[in-house]
Amino acid sequence: AGAPAAAVGICRVGMDHMNVLGGTLAAIAAEKAGILKRGVSAFSVPQPVDADSVLRATAARRGALLAFPQLDDADFCRALALAAADGPAASTGARAAPGALVLPRWLQSAHQQHNLLLAISLVRSALSQAGDAHGEG
């Protein structure tokens, strides 16, 4: 086996790949929870209730460090501001209400915002661990 994962992420559990993963959200979540390992940081986007309870129970049983990052995360907010500053409104001159962000189309849906937050959480965790390994943490 390779080196242990620095961190793992779980995107939204849905009724996909049912022929392989199972016929219910709980069954699919149980398969996806297989990535959760003792002492490894894990992050998840918000989940449907059935999937959420399976992920939390599996993480607790295995000793995984499961977190559900929130959209008020400072790094996420900075990323949104950067995306808005570089988005279509910046080049078209579109105007928004004062203080409102005009996001690129790919980042307007809630699920894409949660996916971005998940990616930021994973990178931040990996960088933190790399810093710790080099005596910088």
N, C-alpha and C. Protein backbone atom coordinates (compact mmCIF):
# COMPACT_ATOMS: atom_id res chain seq x y z
N ALA A 1 0.84 -1.19 0.00
CA ALA A 1 0.00 0.00 0.00
C ALA A 1 0.88 1.24 0.00
N GLY A 2 0.32 2.34 -0.51
CA GLY A 2 1.05 3.60 -0.58
C GLY A 2 1.02 4.33 0.74
N ALA A 3 1.49 5.54 0.69
CA ALA A 3 1.51 6.39 1.88
C ALA A 3 0.08 6.71 2.30
N PRO A 4 -0.15 6.90 3.59
CA PRO A 4 -1.50 7.23 4.04
C PRO A 4 -1.93 8.59 3.49
N ALA A 5 -3.21 8.75 3.30
CA ALA A 5 -3.76 10.00 2.78
C ALA A 5 -3.53 11.13 3.78
N ALA A 6 -3.23 12.31 3.27
CA ALA A 6 -3.10 13.49 4.13
C ALA A 6 -4.47 13.91 4.63
N ALA A 7 -5.45 13.80 3.78
CA ALA A 7 -6.83 14.15 4.10
C ALA A 7 -7.72 13.54 3.02
N VAL A 8 -8.98 13.35 3.37
CA VAL A 8 -9.93 12.81 2.39
C VAL A 8 -11.18 13.68 2.36
N GLY A 9 -11.85 13.66 1.22
CA GLY A 9 -13.06 14.46 1.05
C GLY A 9 -14.20 13.63 0.49
N ILE A 10 -15.39 13.98 0.92
CA ILE A 10 -16.59 13.29 0.44
C ILE A 10 -17.54 14.33 -0.13
N CYS A 11 -17.79 14.22 -1.44
CA CYS A 11 -18.76 15.10 -2.09
C CYS A 11 -20.17 14.63 -1.73
N ARG A 12 -21.15 15.33 -2.22
CA ARG A 12 -22.54 15.02 -1.88
C ARG A 12 -22.89 13.59 -2.29
N VAL A 13 -23.45 12.86 -1.35
CA VAL A 13 -23.90 11.49 -1.61
C VAL A 13 -25.26 11.56 -2.28
N GLY A 14 -25.36 10.93 -3.43
CA GLY A 14 -26.62 10.91 -4.17
C GLY A 14 -26.91 9.52 -4.69
N MET A 15 -28.01 9.41 -5.38
CA MET A 15 -28.44 8.11 -5.89
C MET A 15 -27.76 7.84 -7.24
N ASP A 16 -26.43 7.79 -7.22
CA ASP A 16 -25.68 7.48 -8.43
C ASP A 16 -24.91 6.18 -8.24
N HIS A 17 -24.60 5.54 -9.32
CA HIS A 17 -23.87 4.27 -9.30
C HIS A 17 -24.55 3.24 -8.38
N MET A 18 -25.87 3.24 -8.38
CA MET A 18 -26.63 2.36 -7.48
C MET A 18 -26.34 0.89 -7.74
N ASN A 19 -26.03 0.55 -8.98
CA ASN A 19 -25.75 -0.86 -9.28
C ASN A 19 -24.47 -1.34 -8.59
N VAL A 20 -23.59 -0.42 -8.21
CA VAL A 20 -22.34 -0.78 -7.56
C VAL A 20 -22.34 -0.44 -6.07
N LEU A 21 -22.90 0.73 -5.73
CA LEU A 21 -22.79 1.24 -4.37
C LEU A 21 -23.98 0.90 -3.46
N GLY A 22 -25.12 0.57 -4.02
CA GLY A 22 -26.29 0.25 -3.20
C GLY A 22 -27.51 1.04 -3.63
N GLY A 23 -28.65 0.63 -3.12
CA GLY A 23 -29.92 1.20 -3.57
C GLY A 23 -30.51 2.27 -2.67
N THR A 24 -29.83 2.64 -1.59
CA THR A 24 -30.32 3.69 -0.70
C THR A 24 -29.19 4.68 -0.42
N LEU A 25 -29.56 5.87 0.03
CA LEU A 25 -28.53 6.85 0.39
C LEU A 25 -27.64 6.31 1.51
N ALA A 26 -28.23 5.62 2.46
CA ALA A 26 -27.45 5.06 3.57
C ALA A 26 -26.45 4.03 3.07
N ALA A 27 -26.86 3.18 2.15
CA ALA A 27 -25.95 2.17 1.61
C ALA A 27 -24.83 2.81 0.80
N ILE A 28 -25.17 3.81 0.00
CA ILE A 28 -24.15 4.51 -0.79
C ILE A 28 -23.18 5.23 0.13
N ALA A 29 -23.71 5.88 1.17
CA ALA A 29 -22.85 6.58 2.13
C ALA A 29 -21.92 5.60 2.84
N ALA A 30 -22.42 4.42 3.16
CA ALA A 30 -21.59 3.41 3.82
C ALA A 30 -20.42 3.01 2.93
N GLU A 31 -20.66 2.88 1.63
CA GLU A 31 -19.58 2.56 0.71
C GLU A 31 -18.57 3.70 0.64
N LYS A 32 -19.07 4.93 0.53
CA LYS A 32 -18.17 6.08 0.44
C LYS A 32 -17.43 6.31 1.75
N ALA A 33 -18.02 5.91 2.86
CA ALA A 33 -17.37 6.06 4.17
C ALA A 33 -16.17 5.14 4.31
N GLY A 34 -16.00 4.22 3.38
CA GLY A 34 -14.84 3.33 3.42
C GLY A 34 -13.52 4.08 3.35
N ILE A 35 -13.56 5.31 2.90
CA ILE A 35 -12.35 6.13 2.80
C ILE A 35 -11.93 6.69 4.15
N LEU A 36 -12.81 6.66 5.14
CA LEU A 36 -12.52 7.23 6.46
C LEU A 36 -11.58 6.31 7.23
N LYS A 37 -10.48 6.88 7.71
CA LYS A 37 -9.45 6.11 8.43
C LYS A 37 -9.10 6.79 9.74
N ARG A 38 -8.70 6.00 10.70
CA ARG A 38 -8.31 6.50 12.03
C ARG A 38 -7.24 7.58 11.90
N GLY A 39 -7.50 8.73 12.54
CA GLY A 39 -6.53 9.80 12.61
C GLY A 39 -6.36 10.62 11.35
N VAL A 40 -7.07 10.27 10.28
CA VAL A 40 -6.95 11.02 9.02
C VAL A 40 -8.06 12.06 8.96
N SER A 41 -7.67 13.31 8.68
CA SER A 41 -8.66 14.38 8.53
C SER A 41 -9.56 14.08 7.35
N ALA A 42 -10.85 14.23 7.57
CA ALA A 42 -11.85 14.00 6.52
C ALA A 42 -12.80 15.18 6.49
N PHE A 43 -13.21 15.56 5.30
CA PHE A 43 -14.11 16.69 5.12
C PHE A 43 -15.26 16.26 4.24
N SER A 44 -16.43 16.80 4.52
CA SER A 44 -17.61 16.46 3.73
C SER A 44 -18.42 17.72 3.48
N VAL A 45 -19.06 17.75 2.32
CA VAL A 45 -20.06 18.78 2.06
C VAL A 45 -21.32 18.39 2.84
N PRO A 46 -22.29 19.29 2.97
CA PRO A 46 -23.53 18.91 3.65
C PRO A 46 -24.16 17.70 2.94
N GLN A 47 -24.73 16.82 3.74
CA GLN A 47 -25.28 15.58 3.20
C GLN A 47 -26.76 15.44 3.56
N PRO A 48 -27.50 14.66 2.76
CA PRO A 48 -28.86 14.31 3.17
C PRO A 48 -28.80 13.59 4.52
N VAL A 49 -29.86 13.66 5.29
CA VAL A 49 -29.88 13.13 6.65
C VAL A 49 -29.39 11.69 6.73
N ASP A 50 -29.90 10.82 5.87
CA ASP A 50 -29.51 9.40 5.92
C ASP A 50 -28.01 9.22 5.70
N ALA A 51 -27.46 9.95 4.75
CA ALA A 51 -26.03 9.84 4.46
C ALA A 51 -25.21 10.48 5.58
N ASP A 52 -25.66 11.62 6.08
CA ASP A 52 -24.96 12.32 7.16
C ASP A 52 -24.79 11.41 8.37
N SER A 53 -25.85 10.75 8.77
CA SER A 53 -25.78 9.92 9.97
C SER A 53 -24.83 8.75 9.78
N VAL A 54 -24.80 8.16 8.59
CA VAL A 54 -23.88 7.05 8.31
C VAL A 54 -22.43 7.53 8.35
N LEU A 55 -22.16 8.68 7.72
CA LEU A 55 -20.80 9.20 7.70
C LEU A 55 -20.31 9.53 9.10
N ARG A 56 -21.16 10.19 9.88
CA ARG A 56 -20.76 10.57 11.25
C ARG A 56 -20.53 9.32 12.12
N ALA A 57 -21.41 8.34 12.00
CA ALA A 57 -21.26 7.12 12.81
C ALA A 57 -20.00 6.35 12.41
N THR A 58 -19.74 6.26 11.11
CA THR A 58 -18.55 5.55 10.65
C THR A 58 -17.29 6.27 11.10
N ALA A 59 -17.27 7.59 10.98
CA ALA A 59 -16.10 8.36 11.41
C ALA A 59 -15.85 8.15 12.90
N ALA A 60 -16.90 8.19 13.70
CA ALA A 60 -16.74 8.01 15.15
C ALA A 60 -16.22 6.61 15.45
N ARG A 61 -16.76 5.60 14.79
CA ARG A 61 -16.36 4.22 15.02
C ARG A 61 -14.90 3.99 14.63
N ARG A 62 -14.47 4.63 13.56
CA ARG A 62 -13.11 4.42 13.04
C ARG A 62 -12.09 5.42 13.59
N GLY A 63 -12.55 6.42 14.30
CA GLY A 63 -11.62 7.43 14.81
C GLY A 63 -11.13 8.40 13.75
N ALA A 64 -11.93 8.60 12.71
CA ALA A 64 -11.58 9.59 11.67
C ALA A 64 -11.97 10.98 12.16
N LEU A 65 -11.26 11.97 11.71
CA LEU A 65 -11.50 13.35 12.12
C LEU A 65 -12.39 14.02 11.07
N LEU A 66 -13.71 13.80 11.16
CA LEU A 66 -14.66 14.26 10.14
C LEU A 66 -15.17 15.66 10.47
N ALA A 67 -15.06 16.56 9.50
CA ALA A 67 -15.56 17.93 9.65
C ALA A 67 -16.45 18.28 8.46
N PHE A 68 -17.39 19.15 8.71
CA PHE A 68 -18.28 19.67 7.68
C PHE A 68 -18.03 21.17 7.59
N PRO A 69 -17.08 21.60 6.73
CA PRO A 69 -16.72 23.02 6.66
C PRO A 69 -17.93 23.89 6.33
N GLN A 70 -17.91 25.11 6.85
CA GLN A 70 -19.03 26.04 6.69
C GLN A 70 -18.70 27.12 5.67
N LEU A 71 -19.72 27.65 5.03
CA LEU A 71 -19.54 28.65 3.98
C LEU A 71 -19.03 29.99 4.50
N ASP A 72 -18.93 30.16 5.82
CA ASP A 72 -18.36 31.40 6.34
C ASP A 72 -16.85 31.27 6.58
N ASP A 73 -16.25 30.18 6.11
CA ASP A 73 -14.81 29.95 6.21
C ASP A 73 -14.07 31.12 5.54
N ALA A 74 -13.09 31.68 6.22
CA ALA A 74 -12.38 32.87 5.72
C ALA A 74 -11.69 32.62 4.39
N ASP A 75 -11.03 31.47 4.23
CA ASP A 75 -10.35 31.18 2.97
C ASP A 75 -11.35 31.03 1.83
N PHE A 76 -12.50 30.43 2.11
CA PHE A 76 -13.56 30.28 1.11
C PHE A 76 -14.07 31.66 0.69
N CYS A 77 -14.30 32.52 1.66
CA CYS A 77 -14.80 33.87 1.35
C CYS A 77 -13.80 34.64 0.48
N ARG A 78 -12.51 34.48 0.77
CA ARG A 78 -11.48 35.12 -0.06
C ARG A 78 -11.50 34.53 -1.48
N ALA A 79 -11.68 33.23 -1.60
CA ALA A 79 -11.73 32.60 -2.92
C ALA A 79 -12.94 33.11 -3.70
N LEU A 80 -14.08 33.27 -3.05
CA LEU A 80 -15.26 33.81 -3.74
C LEU A 80 -14.99 35.22 -4.23
N ALA A 81 -14.37 36.03 -3.39
CA ALA A 81 -14.08 37.41 -3.77
C ALA A 81 -13.14 37.44 -4.98
N LEU A 82 -12.14 36.55 -4.99
CA LEU A 82 -11.22 36.48 -6.12
C LEU A 82 -11.94 36.02 -7.38
N ALA A 83 -12.81 35.03 -7.24
CA ALA A 83 -13.57 34.53 -8.40
C ALA A 83 -14.48 35.62 -8.95
N ALA A 84 -15.09 36.39 -8.07
CA ALA A 84 -15.98 37.46 -8.51
C ALA A 84 -15.18 38.56 -9.20
N ALA A 85 -14.01 38.89 -8.67
CA ALA A 85 -13.18 39.94 -9.26
C ALA A 85 -12.67 39.54 -10.63
N ASP A 86 -12.52 38.23 -10.87
CA ASP A 86 -11.99 37.74 -12.13
C ASP A 86 -13.07 37.16 -13.02
N GLY A 87 -14.32 37.24 -12.57
CA GLY A 87 -15.43 36.61 -13.29
C GLY A 87 -15.92 37.44 -14.46
N PRO A 88 -17.03 37.00 -15.06
CA PRO A 88 -17.56 37.66 -16.26
C PRO A 88 -17.95 39.11 -16.02
N ALA A 89 -18.38 39.44 -14.80
CA ALA A 89 -18.78 40.82 -14.53
C ALA A 89 -17.59 41.76 -14.65
N ALA A 90 -16.40 41.26 -14.31
CA ALA A 90 -15.21 42.10 -14.38
C ALA A 90 -14.92 42.52 -15.82
N SER A 91 -15.20 41.63 -16.77
CA SER A 91 -14.89 41.94 -18.16
C SER A 91 -16.06 42.60 -18.90
N THR A 92 -17.29 42.40 -18.42
CA THR A 92 -18.45 42.96 -19.12
C THR A 92 -18.92 44.27 -18.52
N GLY A 93 -18.39 44.61 -17.36
CA GLY A 93 -18.83 45.83 -16.71
C GLY A 93 -20.17 45.70 -16.02
N ALA A 94 -20.67 44.45 -15.84
CA ALA A 94 -21.95 44.26 -15.16
C ALA A 94 -21.86 44.82 -13.74
N ARG A 95 -22.97 45.34 -13.28
CA ARG A 95 -22.98 45.93 -11.94
C ARG A 95 -23.87 45.10 -11.02
N ALA A 96 -23.46 45.04 -9.77
CA ALA A 96 -24.23 44.34 -8.74
C ALA A 96 -24.53 45.34 -7.64
N ALA A 97 -25.40 44.95 -6.75
CA ALA A 97 -25.69 45.78 -5.59
C ALA A 97 -24.40 45.99 -4.81
N PRO A 98 -24.26 47.16 -4.18
CA PRO A 98 -23.04 47.40 -3.39
C PRO A 98 -22.80 46.27 -2.39
N GLY A 99 -21.57 45.75 -2.38
CA GLY A 99 -21.21 44.68 -1.46
C GLY A 99 -21.56 43.29 -1.95
N ALA A 100 -22.34 43.19 -3.02
CA ALA A 100 -22.74 41.87 -3.55
C ALA A 100 -21.67 41.36 -4.51
N LEU A 101 -21.42 40.07 -4.48
CA LEU A 101 -20.46 39.46 -5.40
C LEU A 101 -21.19 38.97 -6.64
N VAL A 102 -20.63 39.21 -7.79
CA VAL A 102 -21.14 38.64 -9.03
C VAL A 102 -20.20 37.50 -9.39
N LEU A 103 -20.67 36.28 -9.16
CA LEU A 103 -19.82 35.10 -9.34
C LEU A 103 -19.91 34.57 -10.76
N PRO A 104 -18.85 33.93 -11.22
CA PRO A 104 -18.93 33.26 -12.52
C PRO A 104 -20.01 32.19 -12.47
N ARG A 105 -20.59 31.89 -13.61
CA ARG A 105 -21.72 30.95 -13.67
C ARG A 105 -21.39 29.62 -13.00
N TRP A 106 -20.16 29.11 -13.20
CA TRP A 106 -19.81 27.80 -12.66
C TRP A 106 -19.81 27.77 -11.14
N LEU A 107 -19.79 28.93 -10.51
CA LEU A 107 -19.71 28.99 -9.05
C LEU A 107 -20.98 29.54 -8.42
N GLN A 108 -22.03 29.70 -9.21
CA GLN A 108 -23.26 30.27 -8.68
C GLN A 108 -24.12 29.26 -7.92
N SER A 109 -24.03 28.00 -8.24
CA SER A 109 -24.87 27.01 -7.56
C SER A 109 -24.26 26.63 -6.20
N ALA A 110 -25.13 26.34 -5.27
CA ALA A 110 -24.69 26.00 -3.91
C ALA A 110 -23.79 24.77 -3.91
N HIS A 111 -24.12 23.76 -4.72
CA HIS A 111 -23.29 22.54 -4.68
C HIS A 111 -21.88 22.81 -5.18
N GLN A 112 -21.70 23.71 -6.14
CA GLN A 112 -20.35 24.04 -6.59
C GLN A 112 -19.60 24.85 -5.54
N GLN A 113 -20.30 25.69 -4.80
CA GLN A 113 -19.66 26.44 -3.72
C GLN A 113 -19.19 25.47 -2.63
N HIS A 114 -20.02 24.49 -2.32
CA HIS A 114 -19.62 23.49 -1.32
C HIS A 114 -18.44 22.65 -1.82
N ASN A 115 -18.42 22.34 -3.12
CA ASN A 115 -17.29 21.59 -3.68
C ASN A 115 -16.01 22.41 -3.60
N LEU A 116 -16.10 23.71 -3.86
CA LEU A 116 -14.92 24.58 -3.74
C LEU A 116 -14.45 24.62 -2.29
N LEU A 117 -15.39 24.75 -1.36
CA LEU A 117 -15.04 24.76 0.06
C LEU A 117 -14.38 23.44 0.46
N LEU A 118 -14.87 22.34 -0.06
CA LEU A 118 -14.26 21.03 0.20
C LEU A 118 -12.82 21.00 -0.30
N ALA A 119 -12.60 21.48 -1.51
CA ALA A 119 -11.24 21.51 -2.06
C ALA A 119 -10.32 22.39 -1.22
N ILE A 120 -10.80 23.54 -0.81
CA ILE A 120 -9.99 24.44 0.02
C ILE A 120 -9.64 23.75 1.34
N SER A 121 -10.59 23.08 1.93
CA SER A 121 -10.35 22.38 3.20
C SER A 121 -9.31 21.29 3.05
N LEU A 122 -9.38 20.55 1.96
CA LEU A 122 -8.41 19.48 1.71
C LEU A 122 -7.00 20.03 1.50
N VAL A 123 -6.90 21.07 0.71
CA VAL A 123 -5.58 21.66 0.45
C VAL A 123 -5.01 22.26 1.73
N ARG A 124 -5.84 22.97 2.49
CA ARG A 124 -5.37 23.58 3.74
C ARG A 124 -4.87 22.50 4.70
N SER A 125 -5.58 21.39 4.79
CA SER A 125 -5.17 20.29 5.67
C SER A 125 -3.85 19.70 5.21
N ALA A 126 -3.71 19.47 3.91
CA ALA A 126 -2.47 18.89 3.38
C ALA A 126 -1.30 19.85 3.61
N LEU A 127 -1.51 21.13 3.37
CA LEU A 127 -0.44 22.10 3.58
C LEU A 127 -0.05 22.19 5.05
N SER A 128 -1.04 22.12 5.92
CA SER A 128 -0.77 22.17 7.35
C SER A 128 0.08 20.96 7.77
N GLN A 129 -0.27 19.79 7.26
CA GLN A 129 0.49 18.59 7.58
C GLN A 129 1.89 18.65 7.00
N ALA A 130 2.02 19.20 5.81
CA ALA A 130 3.35 19.34 5.21
C ALA A 130 4.20 20.28 6.04
N GLY A 131 3.59 21.36 6.52
CA GLY A 131 4.32 22.31 7.38
C GLY A 131 4.73 21.66 8.68
N ASP A 132 3.85 20.86 9.27
CA ASP A 132 4.17 20.15 10.50
C ASP A 132 5.34 19.18 10.28
N ALA A 133 5.34 18.51 9.13
CA ALA A 133 6.39 17.54 8.83
C ALA A 133 7.75 18.21 8.65
N HIS A 134 7.72 19.49 8.28
CA HIS A 134 8.97 20.22 8.07
C HIS A 134 9.27 21.18 9.22
N GLY A 135 8.57 21.01 10.33
CA GLY A 135 8.82 21.84 11.51
C GLY A 135 8.33 23.26 11.36
N GLU A 136 7.36 23.48 10.45
CA GLU A 136 6.85 24.82 10.23
C GLU A 136 5.50 25.04 10.87
N GLY A 137 4.89 23.99 11.47
CA GLY A 137 3.54 24.09 11.99
C GLY A 137 3.55 24.48 13.39
